[in-house]
N, C-alpha and C. Protein backbone atom coordinates (compact mmCIF):
# COMPACT_ATOMS: atom_id res chain seq x y z
N UNK A 1 -1.12 7.17 -11.40
CA UNK A 1 -1.46 5.75 -11.57
C UNK A 1 -0.58 4.90 -10.67
N UNK A 2 -1.17 3.92 -9.99
CA UNK A 2 -0.43 3.08 -9.07
C UNK A 2 0.28 1.94 -9.79
N UNK A 3 1.43 1.55 -9.25
CA UNK A 3 2.10 0.33 -9.69
C UNK A 3 1.53 -0.83 -8.90
N UNK A 4 1.05 -1.84 -9.59
CA UNK A 4 0.41 -2.98 -8.94
C UNK A 4 1.42 -4.12 -8.76
N UNK A 5 1.72 -4.42 -7.53
CA UNK A 5 2.69 -5.46 -7.18
C UNK A 5 1.95 -6.57 -6.44
N UNK A 6 2.22 -7.81 -6.82
CA UNK A 6 1.63 -8.95 -6.12
C UNK A 6 2.73 -9.73 -5.41
N UNK A 7 2.43 -10.21 -4.20
CA UNK A 7 3.40 -10.99 -3.43
C UNK A 7 2.84 -12.38 -3.21
N UNK A 8 3.62 -13.38 -3.60
CA UNK A 8 3.25 -14.78 -3.39
C UNK A 8 4.45 -15.48 -2.76
N UNK A 9 4.27 -15.88 -1.50
CA UNK A 9 5.37 -16.46 -0.73
C UNK A 9 6.56 -15.52 -0.76
N UNK A 10 7.71 -15.96 -1.27
CA UNK A 10 8.91 -15.12 -1.28
C UNK A 10 9.18 -14.48 -2.63
N UNK A 11 8.14 -14.39 -3.49
CA UNK A 11 8.29 -13.81 -4.81
C UNK A 11 7.38 -12.59 -4.95
N UNK A 12 7.84 -11.63 -5.76
CA UNK A 12 7.06 -10.44 -6.06
C UNK A 12 6.86 -10.37 -7.56
N UNK A 13 5.70 -9.88 -8.00
CA UNK A 13 5.36 -9.84 -9.42
C UNK A 13 4.92 -8.43 -9.80
N UNK A 14 5.52 -7.97 -10.89
CA UNK A 14 5.14 -6.67 -11.43
C UNK A 14 5.22 -6.74 -12.96
N UNK A 15 4.10 -6.48 -13.62
CA UNK A 15 4.01 -6.53 -15.08
C UNK A 15 4.57 -7.84 -15.64
N UNK A 16 4.13 -8.94 -15.04
CA UNK A 16 4.48 -10.29 -15.49
C UNK A 16 5.94 -10.64 -15.33
N UNK A 17 6.67 -9.87 -14.54
CA UNK A 17 8.07 -10.19 -14.24
C UNK A 17 8.16 -10.60 -12.78
N UNK A 18 8.90 -11.68 -12.53
CA UNK A 18 9.05 -12.21 -11.17
C UNK A 18 10.34 -11.68 -10.54
N UNK A 19 10.24 -11.25 -9.28
CA UNK A 19 11.38 -10.77 -8.53
C UNK A 19 11.44 -11.54 -7.21
N UNK A 20 12.66 -11.61 -6.66
CA UNK A 20 12.77 -12.11 -5.29
C UNK A 20 13.29 -10.97 -4.42
N UNK A 21 13.48 -11.24 -3.14
CA UNK A 21 13.87 -10.16 -2.25
C UNK A 21 15.30 -9.70 -2.48
N UNK A 22 16.11 -10.51 -3.16
CA UNK A 22 17.47 -10.09 -3.50
C UNK A 22 17.48 -9.09 -4.65
N UNK A 23 16.40 -9.09 -5.44
CA UNK A 23 16.35 -8.16 -6.58
C UNK A 23 15.36 -7.03 -6.35
N UNK A 24 15.09 -6.73 -5.07
CA UNK A 24 14.09 -5.73 -4.74
C UNK A 24 14.48 -4.35 -5.24
N UNK A 25 15.79 -4.03 -5.28
CA UNK A 25 16.22 -2.72 -5.77
C UNK A 25 15.85 -2.55 -7.24
N UNK A 26 15.97 -3.61 -8.02
CA UNK A 26 15.59 -3.55 -9.43
C UNK A 26 14.09 -3.29 -9.55
N UNK A 27 13.30 -3.97 -8.74
CA UNK A 27 11.85 -3.75 -8.76
C UNK A 27 11.52 -2.31 -8.40
N UNK A 28 12.15 -1.79 -7.34
CA UNK A 28 11.87 -0.43 -6.89
C UNK A 28 12.22 0.60 -7.96
N UNK A 29 13.21 0.29 -8.78
CA UNK A 29 13.60 1.22 -9.85
C UNK A 29 12.58 1.23 -10.99
N UNK A 30 11.70 0.25 -11.04
CA UNK A 30 10.75 0.12 -12.14
C UNK A 30 9.32 0.51 -11.77
N UNK A 31 9.08 0.79 -10.51
CA UNK A 31 7.73 1.17 -10.09
C UNK A 31 7.72 2.62 -9.64
N UNK A 32 6.53 3.21 -9.61
CA UNK A 32 6.45 4.60 -9.16
C UNK A 32 6.20 4.66 -7.67
N UNK A 33 5.97 5.88 -7.17
CA UNK A 33 5.85 6.08 -5.72
C UNK A 33 4.45 5.79 -5.19
N UNK A 34 3.51 5.52 -6.07
CA UNK A 34 2.19 5.07 -5.66
C UNK A 34 2.10 3.58 -5.93
N UNK A 35 1.94 2.79 -4.88
CA UNK A 35 2.05 1.34 -4.99
C UNK A 35 0.83 0.67 -4.40
N UNK A 36 0.28 -0.27 -5.13
CA UNK A 36 -0.81 -1.11 -4.64
C UNK A 36 -0.28 -2.55 -4.57
N UNK A 37 -0.30 -3.12 -3.37
CA UNK A 37 0.24 -4.46 -3.16
C UNK A 37 -0.90 -5.43 -2.87
N UNK A 38 -0.91 -6.55 -3.57
CA UNK A 38 -1.84 -7.63 -3.28
C UNK A 38 -1.07 -8.80 -2.69
N UNK A 39 -1.43 -9.21 -1.49
CA UNK A 39 -0.77 -10.33 -0.81
C UNK A 39 -1.55 -11.60 -1.14
N UNK A 40 -0.87 -12.58 -1.73
CA UNK A 40 -1.59 -13.72 -2.33
C UNK A 40 -1.36 -15.07 -1.66
N UNK A 41 -0.66 -15.12 -0.55
CA UNK A 41 -0.40 -16.44 0.04
C UNK A 41 -0.42 -16.43 1.57
N UNK A 42 -0.90 -15.35 2.15
CA UNK A 42 -0.91 -15.24 3.61
C UNK A 42 -2.32 -15.46 4.16
N UNK A 43 -2.39 -16.21 5.23
CA UNK A 43 -3.67 -16.42 5.92
C UNK A 43 -4.05 -15.14 6.66
N UNK A 44 -5.33 -14.84 6.66
CA UNK A 44 -5.81 -13.74 7.50
C UNK A 44 -6.40 -14.33 8.78
N UNK A 45 -6.13 -13.66 9.90
CA UNK A 45 -6.66 -14.07 11.19
C UNK A 45 -7.85 -13.16 11.52
N UNK A 46 -8.91 -13.76 12.00
CA UNK A 46 -10.18 -13.04 12.12
C UNK A 46 -10.71 -13.13 13.55
N UNK A 47 -11.09 -11.98 14.11
CA UNK A 47 -11.74 -11.96 15.41
C UNK A 47 -12.98 -11.09 15.30
N UNK A 48 -14.04 -11.53 15.93
CA UNK A 48 -15.30 -10.79 15.92
C UNK A 48 -15.53 -10.20 17.31
N UNK A 49 -15.89 -8.92 17.35
CA UNK A 49 -16.13 -8.21 18.61
C UNK A 49 -17.51 -7.56 18.59
N UNK A 50 -18.14 -7.58 19.74
CA UNK A 50 -19.34 -6.78 19.97
C UNK A 50 -18.89 -5.49 20.64
N UNK A 51 -19.39 -4.36 20.19
CA UNK A 51 -19.00 -3.12 20.86
C UNK A 51 -20.19 -2.54 21.62
N UNK A 52 -19.91 -1.75 22.66
CA UNK A 52 -20.98 -1.32 23.59
C UNK A 52 -21.98 -0.38 22.94
N UNK A 53 -23.14 -0.32 23.54
CA UNK A 53 -24.23 0.48 22.99
C UNK A 53 -24.03 1.98 23.21
N UNK A 54 -23.30 2.35 24.27
CA UNK A 54 -23.12 3.78 24.50
C UNK A 54 -22.31 4.39 23.35
N UNK A 55 -22.46 5.68 23.22
CA UNK A 55 -21.80 6.38 22.13
C UNK A 55 -20.28 6.31 22.31
N UNK A 56 -19.60 5.79 21.31
CA UNK A 56 -18.14 5.67 21.37
C UNK A 56 -17.55 6.08 20.02
N UNK A 57 -16.27 6.35 20.04
CA UNK A 57 -15.52 6.53 18.80
C UNK A 57 -14.99 5.16 18.39
N UNK A 58 -15.58 4.60 17.35
CA UNK A 58 -15.29 3.21 17.01
C UNK A 58 -13.82 3.00 16.66
N UNK A 59 -13.19 3.98 16.01
CA UNK A 59 -11.78 3.82 15.65
C UNK A 59 -10.90 3.70 16.91
N UNK A 60 -11.19 4.53 17.90
CA UNK A 60 -10.42 4.47 19.15
C UNK A 60 -10.70 3.17 19.88
N UNK A 61 -11.95 2.72 19.88
CA UNK A 61 -12.31 1.47 20.54
C UNK A 61 -11.55 0.30 19.91
N UNK A 62 -11.46 0.28 18.59
CA UNK A 62 -10.74 -0.79 17.88
C UNK A 62 -9.25 -0.72 18.16
N UNK A 63 -8.69 0.50 18.16
CA UNK A 63 -7.27 0.65 18.49
C UNK A 63 -6.96 0.08 19.87
N UNK A 64 -7.85 0.32 20.83
CA UNK A 64 -7.65 -0.20 22.18
C UNK A 64 -7.71 -1.73 22.19
N UNK A 65 -8.63 -2.30 21.42
CA UNK A 65 -8.73 -3.76 21.33
C UNK A 65 -7.46 -4.36 20.74
N UNK A 66 -6.91 -3.71 19.73
CA UNK A 66 -5.67 -4.20 19.13
C UNK A 66 -4.54 -4.18 20.16
N UNK A 67 -4.45 -3.09 20.92
CA UNK A 67 -3.40 -2.99 21.95
C UNK A 67 -3.58 -4.05 23.03
N UNK A 68 -4.83 -4.34 23.39
CA UNK A 68 -5.11 -5.32 24.43
C UNK A 68 -4.84 -6.76 23.98
N UNK A 69 -5.18 -7.06 22.74
CA UNK A 69 -5.22 -8.46 22.30
C UNK A 69 -4.03 -8.90 21.45
N UNK A 70 -3.18 -7.96 21.02
CA UNK A 70 -2.08 -8.33 20.13
C UNK A 70 -0.77 -7.77 20.68
N UNK A 71 0.03 -8.65 21.25
CA UNK A 71 1.31 -8.22 21.83
C UNK A 71 2.35 -7.91 20.76
N UNK A 72 2.19 -8.50 19.57
CA UNK A 72 3.16 -8.28 18.48
C UNK A 72 2.57 -7.44 17.36
N UNK A 73 1.79 -6.44 17.70
CA UNK A 73 1.04 -5.69 16.70
C UNK A 73 1.94 -4.98 15.69
N UNK A 74 3.19 -4.69 16.06
CA UNK A 74 4.10 -4.03 15.12
C UNK A 74 4.45 -4.93 13.94
N UNK A 75 4.25 -6.23 14.09
CA UNK A 75 4.56 -7.18 13.02
C UNK A 75 3.32 -7.60 12.24
N UNK A 76 2.21 -6.91 12.46
CA UNK A 76 0.96 -7.30 11.83
C UNK A 76 0.35 -6.12 11.07
N UNK A 77 -0.43 -6.46 10.05
CA UNK A 77 -1.27 -5.50 9.36
C UNK A 77 -2.70 -5.71 9.84
N UNK A 78 -3.47 -4.64 9.99
CA UNK A 78 -4.83 -4.75 10.49
C UNK A 78 -5.82 -4.08 9.55
N UNK A 79 -7.01 -4.64 9.54
CA UNK A 79 -8.14 -4.07 8.80
C UNK A 79 -9.39 -4.42 9.60
N UNK A 80 -10.39 -3.54 9.56
CA UNK A 80 -11.63 -3.88 10.25
C UNK A 80 -12.82 -3.48 9.40
N UNK A 81 -13.94 -4.17 9.64
CA UNK A 81 -15.20 -3.86 8.97
C UNK A 81 -16.30 -3.91 10.03
N UNK A 82 -17.18 -2.91 10.00
CA UNK A 82 -18.17 -2.71 11.06
C UNK A 82 -19.57 -3.01 10.55
N UNK A 83 -20.34 -3.72 11.38
CA UNK A 83 -21.77 -3.93 11.14
C UNK A 83 -22.51 -3.05 12.16
N UNK A 84 -22.96 -1.89 11.72
CA UNK A 84 -23.48 -0.89 12.65
C UNK A 84 -24.84 -1.28 13.26
N UNK A 85 -25.70 -1.92 12.46
CA UNK A 85 -27.04 -2.21 12.97
C UNK A 85 -27.01 -3.21 14.12
N UNK A 86 -26.08 -4.17 14.08
CA UNK A 86 -25.96 -5.17 15.15
C UNK A 86 -24.84 -4.84 16.13
N UNK A 87 -24.11 -3.76 15.87
CA UNK A 87 -23.05 -3.28 16.76
C UNK A 87 -21.95 -4.32 16.98
N UNK A 88 -21.39 -4.78 15.91
CA UNK A 88 -20.19 -5.62 16.01
C UNK A 88 -19.25 -5.28 14.88
N UNK A 89 -18.00 -5.72 15.02
CA UNK A 89 -17.04 -5.53 13.95
C UNK A 89 -16.12 -6.75 13.86
N UNK A 90 -15.62 -6.97 12.66
CA UNK A 90 -14.62 -8.00 12.42
C UNK A 90 -13.25 -7.33 12.33
N UNK A 91 -12.30 -7.88 13.06
CA UNK A 91 -10.93 -7.38 13.01
C UNK A 91 -10.08 -8.43 12.29
N UNK A 92 -9.43 -8.01 11.22
CA UNK A 92 -8.60 -8.90 10.41
C UNK A 92 -7.13 -8.52 10.60
N UNK A 93 -6.28 -9.53 10.76
CA UNK A 93 -4.85 -9.25 10.88
C UNK A 93 -4.07 -10.23 10.01
N UNK A 94 -2.87 -9.79 9.63
CA UNK A 94 -2.01 -10.58 8.75
C UNK A 94 -0.57 -10.17 9.01
N UNK A 95 0.33 -11.12 8.94
CA UNK A 95 1.74 -10.80 9.13
C UNK A 95 2.19 -9.87 8.01
N UNK A 96 3.01 -8.87 8.36
CA UNK A 96 3.29 -7.82 7.38
C UNK A 96 4.38 -8.16 6.36
N UNK A 97 5.09 -9.29 6.61
CA UNK A 97 5.99 -9.81 5.57
C UNK A 97 7.01 -8.76 5.10
N UNK A 98 7.46 -7.92 5.99
CA UNK A 98 8.48 -6.90 5.71
C UNK A 98 8.04 -5.86 4.69
N UNK A 99 6.74 -5.76 4.44
CA UNK A 99 6.26 -4.88 3.38
C UNK A 99 6.61 -3.43 3.66
N UNK A 100 6.42 -2.98 4.90
CA UNK A 100 6.68 -1.58 5.20
C UNK A 100 8.14 -1.21 4.95
N UNK A 101 9.05 -2.13 5.25
CA UNK A 101 10.46 -1.87 5.00
C UNK A 101 10.79 -1.88 3.52
N UNK A 102 10.14 -2.75 2.78
CA UNK A 102 10.41 -2.85 1.34
C UNK A 102 10.01 -1.59 0.60
N UNK A 103 8.89 -1.02 0.99
CA UNK A 103 8.33 0.10 0.25
C UNK A 103 8.26 1.36 1.12
N UNK A 104 9.30 1.55 1.91
CA UNK A 104 9.33 2.65 2.88
C UNK A 104 9.21 4.01 2.21
N UNK A 105 9.76 4.18 1.02
CA UNK A 105 9.78 5.47 0.35
C UNK A 105 8.54 5.79 -0.45
N UNK A 106 7.53 4.94 -0.38
CA UNK A 106 6.33 5.15 -1.20
C UNK A 106 5.56 6.38 -0.72
N UNK A 107 5.03 7.16 -1.67
CA UNK A 107 4.18 8.31 -1.32
C UNK A 107 2.76 7.85 -0.99
N UNK A 108 2.35 6.77 -1.61
CA UNK A 108 1.03 6.20 -1.34
C UNK A 108 1.15 4.69 -1.41
N UNK A 109 0.73 4.01 -0.36
CA UNK A 109 0.88 2.55 -0.29
C UNK A 109 -0.45 1.94 0.13
N UNK A 110 -1.02 1.13 -0.75
CA UNK A 110 -2.25 0.40 -0.46
C UNK A 110 -1.92 -1.08 -0.41
N UNK A 111 -2.28 -1.74 0.68
CA UNK A 111 -2.00 -3.16 0.85
C UNK A 111 -3.32 -3.90 0.98
N UNK A 112 -3.52 -4.91 0.14
CA UNK A 112 -4.80 -5.61 0.12
C UNK A 112 -4.58 -7.12 0.03
N UNK A 113 -5.04 -7.88 1.00
CA UNK A 113 -5.00 -9.34 0.87
C UNK A 113 -5.88 -9.80 -0.29
N UNK A 114 -5.47 -10.85 -0.96
CA UNK A 114 -6.22 -11.39 -2.10
C UNK A 114 -7.64 -11.76 -1.69
N UNK A 115 -7.81 -12.19 -0.42
CA UNK A 115 -9.14 -12.59 0.03
C UNK A 115 -10.16 -11.47 -0.11
N UNK A 116 -9.74 -10.23 0.15
CA UNK A 116 -10.68 -9.12 0.07
C UNK A 116 -10.95 -8.72 -1.37
N UNK A 117 -9.96 -8.85 -2.24
CA UNK A 117 -10.20 -8.58 -3.66
C UNK A 117 -11.23 -9.56 -4.21
N UNK A 118 -11.07 -10.83 -3.85
CA UNK A 118 -12.01 -11.85 -4.31
C UNK A 118 -13.40 -11.60 -3.71
N UNK A 119 -13.46 -11.33 -2.42
CA UNK A 119 -14.75 -11.09 -1.77
C UNK A 119 -15.50 -9.93 -2.41
N UNK A 120 -14.79 -8.85 -2.67
CA UNK A 120 -15.44 -7.68 -3.26
C UNK A 120 -15.96 -7.98 -4.66
N UNK A 121 -15.22 -8.75 -5.42
CA UNK A 121 -15.67 -9.12 -6.77
C UNK A 121 -16.90 -10.02 -6.70
N UNK A 122 -16.87 -10.99 -5.80
CA UNK A 122 -17.98 -11.93 -5.67
C UNK A 122 -19.23 -11.23 -5.15
N UNK A 123 -19.07 -10.38 -4.14
CA UNK A 123 -20.23 -9.80 -3.49
C UNK A 123 -20.99 -8.84 -4.40
N UNK A 124 -20.29 -8.22 -5.33
CA UNK A 124 -20.97 -7.36 -6.30
C UNK A 124 -21.98 -8.16 -7.13
N UNK A 125 -21.64 -9.41 -7.41
CA UNK A 125 -22.49 -10.25 -8.25
C UNK A 125 -23.54 -11.01 -7.44
N UNK A 126 -23.24 -11.34 -6.19
CA UNK A 126 -24.07 -12.28 -5.44
C UNK A 126 -24.53 -11.71 -4.09
N UNK A 127 -24.73 -10.42 -4.01
CA UNK A 127 -25.06 -9.81 -2.72
C UNK A 127 -26.41 -10.28 -2.17
N UNK A 128 -27.24 -10.87 -3.00
CA UNK A 128 -28.55 -11.35 -2.52
C UNK A 128 -28.40 -12.58 -1.62
N UNK A 129 -27.23 -13.23 -1.65
CA UNK A 129 -27.03 -14.45 -0.86
C UNK A 129 -26.38 -14.11 0.48
N UNK A 130 -26.90 -14.71 1.54
CA UNK A 130 -26.38 -14.46 2.90
C UNK A 130 -25.10 -15.24 3.16
N UNK A 131 -25.04 -16.50 2.70
CA UNK A 131 -23.90 -17.37 2.98
C UNK A 131 -23.24 -17.78 1.67
N UNK A 132 -21.94 -17.50 1.56
CA UNK A 132 -21.21 -17.79 0.33
C UNK A 132 -19.87 -18.42 0.67
N UNK A 133 -19.54 -19.51 0.00
CA UNK A 133 -18.19 -20.09 0.03
C UNK A 133 -17.55 -19.87 -1.33
N UNK A 134 -16.30 -19.44 -1.33
CA UNK A 134 -15.60 -19.17 -2.58
C UNK A 134 -14.31 -19.98 -2.61
N UNK A 135 -14.15 -20.76 -3.68
CA UNK A 135 -12.94 -21.58 -3.84
C UNK A 135 -12.17 -21.13 -5.07
N UNK A 136 -10.89 -20.91 -4.89
CA UNK A 136 -10.00 -20.60 -6.01
C UNK A 136 -8.60 -21.13 -5.65
N UNK A 137 -7.70 -21.06 -6.60
CA UNK A 137 -6.38 -21.66 -6.39
C UNK A 137 -5.32 -20.75 -6.99
N UNK A 138 -4.22 -20.58 -6.26
CA UNK A 138 -3.07 -19.85 -6.76
C UNK A 138 -1.86 -20.75 -6.66
N UNK A 139 -1.34 -21.14 -7.80
CA UNK A 139 -0.25 -22.11 -7.86
C UNK A 139 -0.61 -23.34 -7.03
N UNK A 140 0.21 -23.68 -6.02
CA UNK A 140 -0.04 -24.89 -5.24
C UNK A 140 -1.02 -24.69 -4.10
N UNK A 141 -1.44 -23.46 -3.88
CA UNK A 141 -2.27 -23.17 -2.70
C UNK A 141 -3.75 -23.09 -3.04
N UNK A 142 -4.54 -23.90 -2.34
CA UNK A 142 -5.99 -23.83 -2.42
C UNK A 142 -6.48 -22.76 -1.45
N UNK A 143 -7.37 -21.90 -1.94
CA UNK A 143 -7.95 -20.84 -1.11
C UNK A 143 -9.45 -21.07 -0.99
N UNK A 144 -9.94 -20.91 0.24
CA UNK A 144 -11.38 -20.97 0.46
C UNK A 144 -11.74 -19.84 1.41
N UNK A 145 -12.72 -19.01 1.03
CA UNK A 145 -13.18 -17.97 1.94
C UNK A 145 -14.67 -18.16 2.22
N UNK A 146 -15.01 -17.92 3.45
CA UNK A 146 -16.37 -18.09 3.96
C UNK A 146 -16.94 -16.69 4.21
N UNK A 147 -17.99 -16.33 3.47
CA UNK A 147 -18.57 -14.99 3.54
C UNK A 147 -19.98 -15.09 4.12
N UNK A 148 -20.24 -14.25 5.11
CA UNK A 148 -21.58 -14.20 5.71
C UNK A 148 -22.03 -12.74 5.81
N UNK A 149 -23.16 -12.44 5.20
CA UNK A 149 -23.69 -11.07 5.20
C UNK A 149 -22.68 -10.06 4.68
N UNK A 150 -21.85 -10.49 3.74
CA UNK A 150 -20.88 -9.57 3.14
C UNK A 150 -19.56 -9.46 3.89
N UNK A 151 -19.41 -10.20 5.00
CA UNK A 151 -18.17 -10.17 5.78
C UNK A 151 -17.45 -11.51 5.64
N UNK A 152 -16.12 -11.47 5.55
CA UNK A 152 -15.34 -12.71 5.62
C UNK A 152 -15.30 -13.15 7.07
N UNK A 153 -15.83 -14.35 7.35
CA UNK A 153 -15.83 -14.85 8.72
C UNK A 153 -14.82 -15.97 8.93
N UNK A 154 -14.28 -16.51 7.83
CA UNK A 154 -13.26 -17.55 7.94
C UNK A 154 -12.51 -17.62 6.62
N UNK A 155 -11.28 -18.11 6.69
CA UNK A 155 -10.43 -18.18 5.50
C UNK A 155 -9.49 -19.36 5.64
N UNK A 156 -9.35 -20.12 4.58
CA UNK A 156 -8.49 -21.30 4.58
C UNK A 156 -7.51 -21.23 3.42
N UNK A 157 -6.23 -21.46 3.70
CA UNK A 157 -5.21 -21.58 2.67
C UNK A 157 -4.43 -22.85 2.95
N UNK A 158 -4.41 -23.75 1.99
CA UNK A 158 -3.79 -25.05 2.20
C UNK A 158 -3.38 -25.67 0.88
N UNK A 159 -2.36 -26.52 0.92
CA UNK A 159 -1.99 -27.28 -0.27
C UNK A 159 -2.87 -28.52 -0.43
N UNK A 160 -3.65 -28.84 0.59
CA UNK A 160 -4.48 -30.03 0.59
C UNK A 160 -5.88 -29.74 0.05
N UNK A 161 -6.21 -30.29 -1.10
CA UNK A 161 -7.56 -30.15 -1.63
C UNK A 161 -8.57 -30.87 -0.74
N UNK A 162 -8.15 -31.96 -0.10
CA UNK A 162 -9.06 -32.71 0.77
C UNK A 162 -9.56 -31.85 1.93
N UNK A 163 -8.71 -31.00 2.47
CA UNK A 163 -9.14 -30.10 3.55
C UNK A 163 -10.21 -29.13 3.05
N UNK A 164 -10.02 -28.65 1.84
CA UNK A 164 -11.02 -27.75 1.25
C UNK A 164 -12.34 -28.48 1.06
N UNK A 165 -12.27 -29.68 0.49
CA UNK A 165 -13.49 -30.45 0.22
C UNK A 165 -14.22 -30.81 1.51
N UNK A 166 -13.47 -31.17 2.54
CA UNK A 166 -14.07 -31.48 3.84
C UNK A 166 -14.77 -30.26 4.42
N UNK A 167 -14.12 -29.11 4.34
CA UNK A 167 -14.71 -27.86 4.84
C UNK A 167 -16.03 -27.58 4.13
N UNK A 168 -16.03 -27.72 2.81
CA UNK A 168 -17.24 -27.46 2.03
C UNK A 168 -18.35 -28.43 2.41
N UNK A 169 -18.01 -29.70 2.54
CA UNK A 169 -19.03 -30.72 2.83
C UNK A 169 -19.63 -30.59 4.22
N UNK A 170 -18.92 -29.91 5.12
CA UNK A 170 -19.42 -29.72 6.48
C UNK A 170 -20.38 -28.54 6.60
N UNK A 171 -20.51 -27.75 5.52
CA UNK A 171 -21.39 -26.59 5.54
C UNK A 171 -22.65 -26.86 4.73
N UNK A 172 -23.76 -26.35 5.20
CA UNK A 172 -25.01 -26.43 4.45
C UNK A 172 -25.55 -25.01 4.29
N UNK A 173 -26.51 -24.86 3.39
CA UNK A 173 -27.16 -23.57 3.15
C UNK A 173 -26.21 -22.52 2.59
N UNK A 174 -25.08 -22.95 2.04
CA UNK A 174 -24.14 -22.02 1.44
C UNK A 174 -24.23 -22.09 -0.08
N UNK A 175 -24.07 -20.93 -0.71
CA UNK A 175 -23.86 -20.88 -2.15
C UNK A 175 -22.37 -21.10 -2.40
N UNK A 176 -22.04 -22.04 -3.27
CA UNK A 176 -20.64 -22.35 -3.55
C UNK A 176 -20.23 -21.74 -4.88
N UNK A 177 -19.19 -20.91 -4.83
CA UNK A 177 -18.66 -20.23 -6.00
C UNK A 177 -17.25 -20.76 -6.27
N UNK A 178 -16.97 -21.11 -7.51
CA UNK A 178 -15.66 -21.65 -7.89
C UNK A 178 -15.11 -20.85 -9.06
N UNK A 179 -13.83 -20.63 -9.03
CA UNK A 179 -13.18 -19.93 -10.14
C UNK A 179 -13.37 -20.72 -11.44
N UNK A 180 -13.67 -19.99 -12.49
CA UNK A 180 -13.97 -20.60 -13.80
C UNK A 180 -12.84 -21.48 -14.31
N UNK A 181 -11.61 -21.17 -13.95
CA UNK A 181 -10.46 -21.95 -14.44
C UNK A 181 -10.38 -23.33 -13.79
N UNK A 182 -11.22 -23.59 -12.78
CA UNK A 182 -11.18 -24.87 -12.04
C UNK A 182 -12.38 -25.74 -12.34
N UNK A 183 -12.89 -25.68 -13.56
CA UNK A 183 -14.10 -26.43 -13.91
C UNK A 183 -13.93 -27.93 -13.81
N UNK A 184 -12.70 -28.42 -13.87
CA UNK A 184 -12.46 -29.87 -13.81
C UNK A 184 -12.32 -30.37 -12.38
N UNK A 185 -12.43 -29.49 -11.41
CA UNK A 185 -12.24 -29.89 -10.02
C UNK A 185 -13.42 -30.75 -9.57
N UNK A 186 -13.14 -31.72 -8.70
CA UNK A 186 -14.17 -32.65 -8.26
C UNK A 186 -14.82 -32.16 -6.98
N UNK A 187 -15.78 -31.27 -7.14
CA UNK A 187 -16.59 -30.77 -6.03
C UNK A 187 -18.04 -30.85 -6.46
N UNK A 188 -18.87 -31.36 -5.58
CA UNK A 188 -20.30 -31.48 -5.90
C UNK A 188 -21.04 -30.17 -5.59
N UNK A 189 -22.16 -30.00 -6.28
CA UNK A 189 -23.11 -28.92 -5.97
C UNK A 189 -22.49 -27.53 -6.06
N UNK A 190 -21.78 -27.26 -7.14
CA UNK A 190 -21.25 -25.92 -7.38
C UNK A 190 -22.39 -25.06 -7.93
N UNK A 191 -22.61 -23.90 -7.34
CA UNK A 191 -23.71 -23.04 -7.76
C UNK A 191 -23.32 -22.06 -8.85
N UNK A 192 -22.08 -21.53 -8.77
CA UNK A 192 -21.65 -20.53 -9.75
C UNK A 192 -20.18 -20.75 -10.10
N UNK A 193 -19.86 -20.55 -11.37
CA UNK A 193 -18.48 -20.38 -11.81
C UNK A 193 -18.31 -18.91 -12.17
N UNK A 194 -17.25 -18.29 -11.66
CA UNK A 194 -16.99 -16.88 -11.95
C UNK A 194 -15.55 -16.72 -12.41
N UNK A 195 -15.37 -15.96 -13.46
CA UNK A 195 -14.03 -15.70 -13.99
C UNK A 195 -13.39 -14.59 -13.18
N UNK A 196 -12.40 -14.95 -12.35
CA UNK A 196 -11.73 -13.95 -11.52
C UNK A 196 -10.81 -13.06 -12.35
N UNK A 197 -10.18 -13.61 -13.39
CA UNK A 197 -9.47 -12.81 -14.37
C UNK A 197 -8.14 -12.25 -13.93
N UNK A 198 -7.57 -11.46 -14.82
CA UNK A 198 -6.21 -10.97 -14.63
C UNK A 198 -6.09 -10.03 -13.44
N UNK A 199 -7.15 -9.30 -13.10
CA UNK A 199 -7.07 -8.35 -12.00
C UNK A 199 -6.93 -9.05 -10.65
N UNK A 200 -7.22 -10.33 -10.60
CA UNK A 200 -7.09 -11.05 -9.34
C UNK A 200 -5.72 -11.72 -9.23
N UNK A 201 -5.41 -12.70 -10.09
CA UNK A 201 -4.15 -13.42 -9.86
C UNK A 201 -3.53 -14.04 -11.10
N UNK A 202 -4.01 -13.75 -12.27
CA UNK A 202 -3.59 -14.48 -13.46
C UNK A 202 -2.08 -14.40 -13.71
N UNK A 203 -1.48 -13.23 -13.50
CA UNK A 203 -0.07 -13.10 -13.82
C UNK A 203 0.80 -13.97 -12.92
N UNK A 204 0.30 -14.31 -11.72
CA UNK A 204 1.05 -15.20 -10.84
C UNK A 204 0.89 -16.65 -11.32
N UNK A 205 -0.34 -17.02 -11.65
CA UNK A 205 -0.61 -18.39 -12.04
C UNK A 205 0.10 -18.77 -13.34
N UNK A 206 0.45 -17.80 -14.15
CA UNK A 206 1.15 -18.08 -15.39
C UNK A 206 2.59 -18.48 -15.16
N UNK A 207 3.15 -18.16 -13.98
CA UNK A 207 4.56 -18.42 -13.73
C UNK A 207 4.82 -19.89 -13.42
């Protein structure tokens, strides 16, 4: 069984206990060697690539693109998702926030940005929709993710609700999904409220 650790800014959370980087040894003594980390306050950077029609090894092609386009790749985490029928892929990157050094001794380490956890939860329920905007909030940070055909194509993290509202108002033909805990928020034309629940971020929001 994995130990689930969440990181929000300079704080780490495990079983409803908050740690900082000065108390990392205490945290490491309380978790096992299989660790699942959810990053809850970092922006993801997104690039879309078309790949050639000739037969290629997609993993090698993506590795080459990373080497070509990212001079500081050692300080970044990468993830990609491929759309085979149209021959393109999205490359996602995020600053690694010293994670590899913190959990160097782990036997199994899974790192997942909160944006992907939310997307996967939403898409299971709303896969019939092509365009989806999802709004949720973690402490002081407003999160908005833009999903198209099941892929995250844009992501916004900001303390400004006005930036979120402006982004939403500039889009049309989107289904708008809002976290159930934000029912009092002043946004027009909300299509769905969904309870993201404890598996997403509740233990952080309680702090």
